[in-house]
Amino acid sequence: MKIIKSPKRMEKKAVIEVQFNWVFVLIAGTMILMFFIIIVNKQKSVSDKKLAVNILNSMDRVLSGQKTSENRQDVIDMFEAEMSYSCGGCDCTFSLAGMSKSKGNLVVFAPTSMKSDRLLTWTQGWDMPFRVSNFVYMTTPEIKYYLVGPSLSVRRDFVDGLPVNVSYDVVADINSIAYKGEQKVRLVFFSDANPPQMPSGLADAGDSIVTALVIDGTAGAWYNGRAKLKFYKKKGPVFVPDNDEDETTNEYPALGMQTAYGAIYSDSFQNFRCNMDDAVKKMGYVARIYKERAGQLSQKAVDGEIYSGCNAFYATTYFNGFGSNDPSLLYDSINLLTTFNEGAVISSCPRIY
């Protein structure tokens, strides 16, 4: 007997086959699309890492060049991404798009994070009194600095020395400060306020956005170890000490204006202290070299190889302060060394440095 299929059954089967085909096409299409998305993302990741390596290498060349150049300003162009700068155990590294590079033996003062398509760099020589190192400072146009209440002399001798491309305002009243969406805000108080007062206009800004520095004791030659650089971070509506990684202190003596500039550029006391500790160690190495030179010159004066009267300028005891943690003893040695070196030059004797 011949079985005749029902037209309705055949129509139902055709509908199911069409639906299955569409489901298959949808799944296959999704898989193909996902494949290309993964390929594109991988290519983008590889491209970003390659670009990050190029930028870090370019930055390394610029910073290495600045190590030997004083009072130099540069702009490093980069794609807009967040670069971090951190110092753990005093091993400081720059990180960008998952790639990292050590700062090496450079002394670099910079914020902990910088998101921009431009990095602004600046160098200053650090003489104690001989040249120890060039300090490198780094920031971005998106970071705002407010300098609160500097005296006329501090403004003339210190504030006006900042690079013109740094975004900063000098204010007398913190109530005039308002958050305007800046990437970061750094407050610098030229006073003995410890902790400083939080401006009402910044109370609602994120804690990671706002930091503060107090330069305590700016009377006279404040930068010769007589002033303290004290670091603070925002915690809700108030400032709290920003201690080092050992949670022991948040302050450092101002060893020259260049050190105070470094404290302005650094929004982390840990990062600042690591770089200053490196600089002070380097100062000790250089001081030992000049101490040996003074001793050799003294011996030459005794042996008659140079004028015997020159020996008055080559005592090595005035180098003792370079091994001290007391800033006043350090600057006593610096003043003595400067005086004797100038005396040697005036008397036509070989100079110490």
Protein backbone atom coordinates (compact mmCIF):
# COMPACT_ATOMS: atom_id res chain seq x y z
CA MET A 1 0.00 0.00 0.00
CA LYS A 2 1.39 3.41 -0.97
CA ILE A 3 1.76 5.93 1.87
CA ILE A 4 0.99 9.49 0.95
CA LYS A 5 2.67 12.13 3.15
CA SER A 6 0.45 14.82 4.50
CA PRO A 7 1.13 18.28 2.99
CA LYS A 8 0.92 19.78 6.48
CA ARG A 9 3.63 17.40 7.77
CA MET A 10 5.89 18.23 4.84
CA GLU A 11 5.34 21.94 5.38
CA LYS A 12 6.19 21.60 9.08
CA LYS A 13 9.40 19.72 8.25
CA ALA A 14 10.43 22.43 5.80
CA VAL A 15 9.86 25.12 8.41
CA ILE A 16 12.02 23.21 10.92
CA GLU A 17 14.80 22.83 8.34
CA VAL A 18 14.71 26.55 7.55
CA GLN A 19 14.85 27.41 11.25
CA PHE A 20 17.76 25.03 11.74
CA ASN A 21 19.60 26.58 8.83
CA TRP A 22 19.14 30.06 10.27
CA VAL A 23 20.35 28.90 13.69
CA PHE A 24 23.39 27.31 12.04
CA VAL A 25 24.09 30.49 10.07
CA LEU A 26 23.70 32.58 13.23
CA ILE A 27 26.08 30.36 15.24
CA ALA A 28 28.62 30.18 12.43
CA GLY A 29 28.41 33.90 11.86
CA THR A 30 28.87 34.60 15.55
CA MET A 31 31.92 32.34 15.70
CA ILE A 32 33.46 33.99 12.64
CA LEU A 33 32.75 37.43 14.11
CA MET A 34 34.25 36.45 17.47
CA PHE A 35 37.32 35.09 15.68
CA PHE A 36 37.93 38.40 13.92
CA ILE A 37 37.25 40.37 17.14
CA ILE A 38 39.86 38.26 18.98
CA ILE A 39 42.36 38.75 16.13
CA VAL A 40 41.74 42.51 16.10
CA ASN A 41 42.07 42.77 19.90
CA LYS A 42 45.28 40.75 19.85
CA GLN A 43 46.67 42.92 17.10
CA LYS A 44 45.68 46.04 19.04
CA SER A 45 47.30 44.68 22.21
CA VAL A 46 50.50 43.83 20.34
CA SER A 47 50.46 47.24 18.64
CA ASP A 48 49.90 49.05 21.96
CA LYS A 49 52.75 47.14 23.62
CA LYS A 50 55.05 47.85 20.70
CA LEU A 51 54.12 51.53 20.86
CA ALA A 52 54.59 51.52 24.64
CA VAL A 53 58.10 50.06 24.23
CA ASN A 54 58.94 52.73 21.66
CA ILE A 55 57.66 55.50 23.96
CA LEU A 56 59.52 54.14 27.00
CA ASN A 57 62.72 53.84 24.96
CA SER A 58 62.22 57.33 23.57
CA MET A 59 61.60 58.67 27.07
CA ASP A 60 64.71 56.86 28.31
CA ARG A 61 66.82 58.55 25.62
CA VAL A 62 65.37 61.97 26.44
CA LEU A 63 65.88 61.52 30.19
CA SER A 64 69.41 60.19 29.68
CA GLY A 65 70.17 63.31 27.62
CA GLN A 66 68.70 65.50 30.31
CA LYS A 67 70.95 63.86 32.88
CA THR A 68 73.81 65.87 31.40
CA SER A 69 71.83 69.05 30.60
CA GLU A 70 70.86 71.69 33.15
CA ASN A 71 67.66 73.77 33.05
CA ARG A 72 66.37 71.94 30.00
CA GLN A 73 62.69 71.59 29.11
CA ASP A 74 61.28 68.94 26.76
CA VAL A 75 57.90 67.64 25.65
CA ILE A 76 57.58 63.88 25.07
CA ASP A 77 54.69 63.06 22.71
CA MET A 78 52.87 59.78 23.29
CA PHE A 79 49.49 58.16 22.70
CA GLU A 80 47.01 59.04 25.42
CA ALA A 81 47.40 56.32 28.00
CA GLU A 82 48.04 56.16 31.70
CA MET A 83 51.67 55.89 32.73
CA SER A 84 52.46 54.97 36.32
CA TYR A 85 55.60 55.72 38.30
CA SER A 86 56.23 53.80 41.49
CA CYS A 87 59.11 53.08 43.85
CA GLY A 88 59.03 49.96 45.98
CA GLY A 89 62.11 49.24 48.04
CA CYS A 90 63.61 52.20 46.16
CA ASP A 91 63.45 50.34 42.83
CA CYS A 92 61.59 52.91 40.73
CA THR A 93 59.93 52.00 37.42
CA PHE A 94 57.75 53.58 34.75
CA SER A 95 54.89 51.40 33.50
CA LEU A 96 52.83 51.88 30.33
CA ALA A 97 50.39 49.44 28.67
CA GLY A 98 51.76 46.52 30.68
CA MET A 99 55.39 47.36 29.85
CA SER A 100 57.87 48.61 32.48
CA LYS A 101 61.25 50.32 32.49
CA SER A 102 63.51 51.16 35.42
CA LYS A 103 64.59 54.75 36.00
CA GLY A 104 68.13 53.44 36.41
CA ASN A 105 70.52 55.81 38.15
CA LEU A 106 68.48 58.89 37.25
CA VAL A 107 66.89 61.01 39.97
CA VAL A 108 63.32 61.50 38.70
CA PHE A 109 60.50 63.32 40.49
CA ALA A 110 57.06 62.67 39.00
CA PRO A 111 53.43 61.94 39.98
CA THR A 112 52.45 58.34 40.61
CA SER A 113 50.23 58.35 37.51
CA MET A 114 50.08 60.53 34.40
CA LYS A 115 47.43 60.22 31.70
CA SER A 116 48.13 62.47 28.75
CA ASP A 117 49.41 62.59 25.20
CA ARG A 118 52.26 64.83 26.38
CA LEU A 119 54.83 64.55 29.16
CA LEU A 120 56.53 67.75 30.31
CA THR A 121 60.10 67.30 31.53
CA TRP A 122 62.53 69.71 33.16
CA THR A 123 66.03 69.43 34.65
CA GLN A 124 67.92 71.27 37.36
CA GLY A 125 71.49 70.74 38.50
CA TRP A 126 72.00 69.78 42.18
CA ASP A 127 75.24 71.28 43.52
CA MET A 128 76.32 70.50 47.09
CA PRO A 129 78.48 72.62 46.42
CA PHE A 130 80.08 70.46 43.70
CA ARG A 131 77.85 69.01 41.00
CA VAL A 132 76.26 65.81 42.27
CA SER A 133 73.55 65.11 39.73
CA ASN A 134 70.89 66.58 37.51
CA PHE A 135 67.37 66.23 38.86
CA VAL A 136 64.70 65.35 36.30
CA TYR A 137 61.13 66.55 36.90
CA MET A 138 58.10 65.20 35.03
CA THR A 139 54.42 66.15 34.89
CA THR A 140 51.55 66.62 32.41
CA PRO A 141 49.41 69.61 31.35
CA GLU A 142 46.36 67.94 32.96
CA ILE A 143 47.77 68.19 36.51
CA LYS A 144 47.00 71.41 38.39
CA TYR A 145 49.22 72.92 41.09
CA TYR A 146 48.05 75.51 43.65
CA LEU A 147 50.78 77.35 45.55
CA VAL A 148 49.21 78.70 48.73
CA GLY A 149 50.55 81.79 50.50
CA PRO A 150 54.20 82.12 49.43
CA SER A 151 55.93 85.26 50.70
CA LEU A 152 57.17 87.82 48.19
CA SER A 153 60.76 86.58 48.56
CA VAL A 154 59.75 82.93 48.17
CA ARG A 155 57.66 83.80 45.15
CA ARG A 156 60.53 85.73 43.57
CA ASP A 157 63.34 83.27 44.37
CA PHE A 158 61.48 79.95 44.12
CA VAL A 159 58.00 80.01 42.60
CA ASP A 160 58.98 82.15 39.61
CA GLY A 161 61.64 79.56 38.80
CA LEU A 162 59.05 76.94 37.84
CA PRO A 163 58.73 76.16 34.10
CA VAL A 164 56.18 78.28 32.27
CA ASN A 165 54.42 75.22 30.81
CA VAL A 166 53.46 73.86 34.25
CA SER A 167 49.83 74.60 35.11
CA TYR A 168 49.93 76.39 38.46
CA ASP A 169 48.22 79.26 40.27
CA VAL A 170 49.44 81.26 43.25
CA VAL A 171 46.60 81.82 45.73
CA ALA A 172 46.33 83.57 49.07
CA ASP A 173 43.01 82.02 50.14
CA ILE A 174 42.32 78.29 49.84
CA ASN A 175 38.58 79.02 49.63
CA SER A 176 39.21 80.33 46.13
CA ILE A 177 40.24 76.83 45.02
CA ALA A 178 37.57 74.75 43.28
CA TYR A 179 37.71 71.36 41.60
CA LYS A 180 37.24 71.75 37.85
CA GLY A 181 37.64 68.17 36.75
CA GLU A 182 41.44 68.16 36.68
CA GLN A 183 43.17 64.81 36.47
CA LYS A 184 45.07 65.61 39.67
CA VAL A 185 45.35 68.57 42.04
CA ARG A 186 48.52 69.24 44.05
CA LEU A 187 48.41 71.83 46.86
CA VAL A 188 51.62 73.40 48.13
CA PHE A 189 51.36 75.27 51.46
CA PHE A 190 54.17 77.67 52.39
CA SER A 191 53.33 77.58 56.09
CA ASP A 192 53.62 75.47 59.22
CA ALA A 193 50.08 74.05 58.92
CA ASN A 194 50.31 70.40 59.94
CA PRO A 195 48.07 68.98 58.69
CA PRO A 196 46.89 71.63 56.21
CA GLN A 197 43.25 72.56 55.83
CA MET A 198 41.23 70.96 53.06
CA PRO A 199 39.73 73.59 50.69
CA SER A 200 35.95 73.29 50.70
CA GLY A 201 36.00 73.28 46.89
CA LEU A 202 38.02 70.04 46.87
CA ALA A 203 36.21 68.15 49.64
CA ASP A 204 34.08 66.17 47.16
CA ALA A 205 36.95 65.32 44.80
CA GLY A 206 38.25 61.75 44.84
CA ASP A 207 40.88 60.91 47.45
CA SER A 208 43.37 59.80 44.78
CA ILE A 209 43.02 63.14 42.96
CA VAL A 210 44.10 65.56 45.70
CA THR A 211 47.44 65.62 47.55
CA ALA A 212 49.26 68.28 49.54
CA LEU A 213 52.76 69.40 50.44
CA VAL A 214 53.66 71.64 53.38
CA ILE A 215 56.98 73.49 53.21
CA ASP A 216 57.41 74.24 56.90
CA GLY A 217 59.83 77.07 57.73
CA THR A 218 60.47 79.28 54.70
CA ALA A 219 62.14 82.19 56.50
CA GLY A 220 65.66 83.15 55.43
CA ALA A 221 67.70 80.51 53.61
CA TRP A 222 64.97 77.93 54.14
CA TYR A 223 66.20 75.61 51.39
CA ASN A 224 69.56 74.99 53.13
CA GLY A 225 68.22 72.19 55.29
CA ARG A 226 66.25 74.54 57.55
CA ALA A 227 62.79 73.79 56.17
CA LYS A 228 60.85 70.52 56.29
CA LEU A 229 59.00 69.08 53.31
CA LYS A 230 55.90 67.32 54.66
CA PHE A 231 53.65 65.14 52.48
CA TYR A 232 49.89 64.64 52.91
CA LYS A 233 47.13 62.74 51.12
CA LYS A 234 43.39 63.25 51.06
CA LYS A 235 41.16 61.06 53.19
CA GLY A 236 37.59 62.18 52.86
CA PRO A 237 37.27 65.83 53.96
CA VAL A 238 40.72 66.03 55.61
CA PHE A 239 44.43 65.57 54.92
CA VAL A 240 46.39 62.80 56.65
CA PRO A 241 50.17 62.14 56.60
CA ASP A 242 51.46 60.36 53.49
CA ASN A 243 54.11 58.16 55.13
CA ASP A 244 56.82 56.07 53.50
CA GLU A 245 56.36 52.34 52.97
CA ASP A 246 57.68 51.66 56.49
CA GLU A 247 55.00 54.00 57.91
CA THR A 248 57.69 55.88 59.86
CA THR A 249 57.67 59.47 58.54
CA ASN A 250 56.24 61.84 55.96
CA GLU A 251 58.94 64.54 56.04
CA TYR A 252 62.35 65.32 54.56
CA PRO A 253 64.67 68.34 54.89
CA ALA A 254 64.82 70.78 51.99
CA LEU A 255 68.34 70.20 50.66
CA GLY A 256 68.39 72.97 48.11
CA MET A 257 65.60 74.49 46.04
CA GLN A 258 65.93 71.60 43.61
CA THR A 259 64.79 69.24 46.37
CA ALA A 260 61.76 71.44 47.10
CA TYR A 261 60.85 71.43 43.40
CA GLY A 262 61.05 67.64 43.52
CA ALA A 263 58.62 67.58 46.44
CA ILE A 264 56.15 69.64 44.40
CA TYR A 265 56.32 67.30 41.41
CA SER A 266 56.09 64.12 43.55
CA ASP A 267 52.67 63.25 44.95
CA SER A 268 54.03 60.27 46.90
CA PHE A 269 56.45 60.58 49.81
CA GLN A 270 57.74 57.05 49.17
CA ASN A 271 58.70 57.95 45.59
CA PHE A 272 60.24 61.25 46.69
CA ARG A 273 62.25 59.69 49.51
CA CYS A 274 63.62 56.90 47.30
CA ASN A 275 64.95 59.40 44.78
CA MET A 276 66.39 61.69 47.46
CA ASP A 277 68.06 58.76 49.21
CA ASP A 278 69.68 57.85 45.88
CA ALA A 279 70.80 61.46 45.43
CA VAL A 280 72.26 61.68 48.95
CA LYS A 281 74.18 58.43 48.43
CA LYS A 282 75.59 59.81 45.20
CA MET A 283 76.56 63.01 47.05
CA GLY A 284 78.48 60.89 49.57
CA TYR A 285 80.38 59.09 46.78
CA VAL A 286 81.35 62.36 45.09
CA ALA A 287 82.34 63.93 48.44
CA ARG A 288 84.72 61.03 49.11
CA ILE A 289 86.39 61.59 45.73
CA TYR A 290 86.96 65.28 46.49
CA LYS A 291 88.12 64.44 50.00
CA GLU A 292 90.78 62.17 48.50
CA ARG A 293 91.73 64.94 46.09
CA ALA A 294 92.11 67.42 49.00
CA GLY A 295 94.34 64.94 50.81
CA GLN A 296 96.50 64.46 47.72
CA LEU A 297 96.83 68.22 47.21
CA SER A 298 97.79 68.61 50.85
CA GLN A 299 100.55 66.02 50.43
CA LYS A 300 101.82 67.78 47.31
CA ALA A 301 102.05 71.03 49.30
CA VAL A 302 104.02 69.24 52.02
CA ASP A 303 106.33 67.67 49.42
CA GLY A 304 106.92 71.02 47.75
CA GLU A 305 105.28 70.02 44.44
CA ILE A 306 103.01 73.03 44.83
CA TYR A 307 103.29 76.20 46.94
CA SER A 308 103.40 75.17 50.60
CA GLY A 309 100.97 77.95 51.57
CA CYS A 310 98.26 76.17 49.61
CA ASN A 311 98.12 73.50 52.30
CA ALA A 312 95.92 75.83 54.39
CA PHE A 313 93.05 75.16 51.99
CA TYR A 314 93.21 71.37 51.93
CA ALA A 315 92.11 70.21 55.36
CA THR A 316 89.83 67.19 55.01
CA THR A 317 87.93 67.62 58.27
CA TYR A 318 85.37 69.90 56.63
CA PHE A 319 84.11 66.88 54.67
CA ASN A 320 82.84 65.21 57.85
CA GLY A 321 79.35 66.68 57.53
CA PHE A 322 78.71 64.81 54.27
CA GLY A 323 78.32 61.60 56.23
CA SER A 324 75.87 63.08 58.74
CA ASN A 325 72.08 62.85 58.82
CA ASP A 326 71.97 66.32 60.38
CA PRO A 327 71.30 68.96 57.67
CA SER A 328 72.95 71.70 59.74
CA LEU A 329 76.23 69.72 59.88
CA LEU A 330 75.98 69.03 56.16
CA TYR A 331 75.62 72.72 55.33
CA ASP A 332 78.41 73.63 57.75
CA SER A 333 80.66 71.40 55.64
CA ILE A 334 79.30 72.84 52.40
CA ASN A 335 79.99 76.40 53.57
CA LEU A 336 83.51 75.53 54.72
CA LEU A 337 84.29 73.67 51.52
CA THR A 338 83.00 76.57 49.42
CA THR A 339 85.11 79.05 51.40
CA PHE A 340 88.32 77.02 51.15
CA ASN A 341 87.79 76.29 47.46
CA GLU A 342 87.29 79.99 46.70
CA GLY A 343 90.37 80.80 48.81
CA ALA A 344 92.44 78.32 46.79
CA VAL A 345 91.31 79.91 43.53
CA ILE A 346 92.10 83.44 44.75
CA SER A 347 95.56 82.31 45.93
CA SER A 348 96.29 80.61 42.57
CA CYS A 349 96.31 77.19 44.22
CA PRO A 350 94.77 74.07 42.68
CA ARG A 351 91.04 74.05 43.40
CA ILE A 352 89.41 71.25 45.34
CA TYR A 353 86.44 70.88 42.99
